[in-house]
Amino acid sequence: MTNVLEGLLTSVGQTGIIFALGFLCRRYKIFLPRHMEGLNKFIATISIPALFFLGLATLNASSLDFSLFAALTISKTLVYIGTCIVTYSLSADAGADRFGLIGIFGIFTTQSNDIALGLPIVAASF
């Protein structure tokens, strides 16, 4: 148990440090907007797809616990539906943008940090 907790805290700590460095680089303008545009393109088109491919290519399907995926899917679905209901009831004056708000808020509440936090936590825990 101690090794799992140690690995989990190490992963979350590293992720937090990376977030803090990114924030500081942006705040103190270490990267110019043109640099940020290039980094965003590189990360979105090369790094993240490569990370997904590496994860799927090295996945041992026999060791997967599908109850974990079921719990994740059910919980995200409930949060998404709850967000949709709350947004629908609070955005009565939004008019045509109402359903756009519902969709974007639902996505924000369920997909925000899956890769940035979820991947290191799962890697450290299992």
Protein backbone atom coordinates (compact mmCIF):
# COMPACT_ATOMS: atom_id res chain seq x y z
CA MET A 1 0.00 0.00 0.00
CA THR A 2 2.81 2.41 0.81
CA ASN A 3 4.46 1.86 -2.60
CA VAL A 4 1.19 2.59 -4.39
CA LEU A 5 0.63 5.76 -2.36
CA GLU A 6 4.23 6.84 -2.91
CA GLY A 7 3.91 6.31 -6.67
CA LEU A 8 0.59 8.12 -6.73
CA LEU A 9 1.91 11.13 -4.83
CA THR A 10 5.00 11.23 -7.04
CA SER A 11 2.87 11.23 -10.20
CA VAL A 12 0.47 13.87 -8.93
CA GLY A 13 3.40 15.98 -7.69
CA GLN A 14 5.14 15.80 -11.05
CA THR A 15 1.94 16.76 -12.82
CA GLY A 16 1.43 19.70 -10.46
CA ILE A 17 4.99 20.90 -11.04
CA ILE A 18 4.48 20.72 -14.81
CA PHE A 19 1.24 22.74 -14.50
CA ALA A 20 3.01 25.31 -12.31
CA LEU A 21 5.92 25.63 -14.75
CA GLY A 22 3.50 26.12 -17.62
CA PHE A 23 1.64 28.78 -15.67
CA LEU A 24 4.87 30.60 -14.78
CA CYS A 25 6.13 30.44 -18.37
CA ARG A 26 2.89 31.97 -19.58
CA ARG A 27 2.69 34.58 -16.80
CA TYR A 28 6.27 35.83 -17.26
CA LYS A 29 6.05 35.62 -21.06
CA ILE A 30 8.92 33.18 -21.45
CA PHE A 31 7.19 31.86 -24.57
CA LEU A 32 5.93 34.36 -27.14
CA PRO A 33 2.50 33.84 -28.73
CA ARG A 34 4.09 32.44 -31.89
CA HIS A 35 6.01 29.92 -29.76
CA MET A 36 2.79 28.94 -28.00
CA GLU A 37 1.08 28.39 -31.35
CA GLY A 38 3.86 26.04 -32.45
CA LEU A 39 3.82 24.16 -29.14
CA ASN A 40 0.04 23.78 -29.30
CA LYS A 41 0.22 22.36 -32.83
CA PHE A 42 3.01 19.96 -31.87
CA ILE A 43 1.23 18.73 -28.76
CA ALA A 44 -2.19 18.40 -30.41
CA THR A 45 -1.03 16.71 -33.62
CA ILE A 46 2.00 14.66 -32.56
CA SER A 47 2.52 14.25 -28.81
CA ILE A 48 -0.97 13.34 -27.60
CA PRO A 49 -1.75 10.93 -30.47
CA ALA A 50 1.65 9.28 -29.92
CA LEU A 51 0.91 8.96 -26.21
CA PHE A 52 -2.45 7.34 -26.94
CA PHE A 53 -0.89 4.96 -29.46
CA LEU A 54 1.86 3.98 -27.02
CA GLY A 55 -0.71 3.32 -24.31
CA LEU A 56 -2.86 1.17 -26.58
CA ALA A 57 0.09 -0.65 -28.12
CA THR A 58 1.51 -1.68 -24.75
CA LEU A 59 -1.85 -2.44 -23.13
CA ASN A 60 -2.27 -5.89 -21.64
CA ALA A 61 -5.98 -6.50 -22.23
CA SER A 62 -6.09 -9.56 -19.98
CA SER A 63 -5.15 -7.50 -16.93
CA LEU A 64 -7.88 -4.90 -17.39
CA ASP A 65 -10.55 -4.55 -14.74
CA PHE A 66 -13.68 -3.71 -16.68
CA SER A 67 -15.59 -2.80 -13.51
CA LEU A 68 -13.29 0.24 -13.27
CA PHE A 69 -14.26 1.32 -16.77
CA ALA A 70 -17.93 0.71 -16.02
CA ALA A 71 -17.72 2.80 -12.83
CA LEU A 72 -15.95 5.59 -14.72
CA THR A 73 -18.50 5.55 -17.52
CA ILE A 74 -21.49 5.57 -15.16
CA SER A 75 -20.07 8.35 -12.98
CA LYS A 76 -19.17 10.55 -15.96
CA THR A 77 -22.61 9.98 -17.46
CA LEU A 78 -24.32 11.01 -14.22
CA VAL A 79 -22.15 14.14 -13.93
CA TYR A 80 -22.84 15.00 -17.57
CA ILE A 81 -26.60 14.57 -17.17
CA GLY A 82 -26.58 16.58 -13.93
CA THR A 83 -24.63 19.38 -15.59
CA CYS A 84 -27.04 19.38 -18.52
CA ILE A 85 -30.05 19.63 -16.20
CA VAL A 86 -28.54 22.45 -14.12
CA THR A 87 -27.41 24.37 -17.21
CA TYR A 88 -30.80 23.93 -18.88
CA SER A 89 -32.63 25.23 -15.84
CA LEU A 90 -30.29 28.19 -15.26
CA SER A 91 -29.91 29.35 -18.87
CA ALA A 92 -33.53 30.07 -19.72
CA ASP A 93 -32.65 33.51 -21.11
CA ALA A 94 -29.84 32.25 -23.35
CA GLY A 95 -32.20 31.61 -26.26
CA ALA A 96 -30.64 29.75 -29.19
CA ASP A 97 -27.32 29.42 -27.36
CA ARG A 98 -28.93 27.33 -24.62
CA PHE A 99 -28.10 23.95 -26.10
CA GLY A 100 -24.60 25.07 -27.02
CA LEU A 101 -24.03 26.03 -23.38
CA ILE A 102 -25.42 22.69 -22.22
CA GLY A 103 -23.04 20.78 -24.47
CA ILE A 104 -19.92 22.79 -23.69
CA PHE A 105 -20.50 22.78 -19.92
CA GLY A 106 -21.18 19.05 -20.01
CA ILE A 107 -17.93 18.45 -21.85
CA PHE A 108 -16.00 20.74 -19.49
CA THR A 109 -17.22 18.90 -16.41
CA THR A 110 -16.47 15.42 -17.71
CA GLN A 111 -13.39 15.74 -19.93
CA SER A 112 -11.25 18.39 -18.29
CA ASN A 113 -8.18 16.57 -16.93
CA ASP A 114 -8.51 12.98 -18.04
CA ILE A 115 -5.14 12.85 -19.72
CA ALA A 116 -3.17 15.30 -17.61
CA LEU A 117 -4.16 13.79 -14.27
CA GLY A 118 -5.78 10.48 -15.09
CA LEU A 119 -2.91 8.88 -16.96
CA PRO A 120 -0.23 9.40 -14.25
CA ILE A 121 -2.64 8.35 -11.50
CA VAL A 122 -3.64 5.13 -13.26
CA ALA A 123 -0.01 4.38 -14.15
CA ALA A 124 1.07 4.83 -10.54
CA SER A 125 -1.85 2.89 -9.06
CA PHE A 126 -1.83 -0.13 -11.32
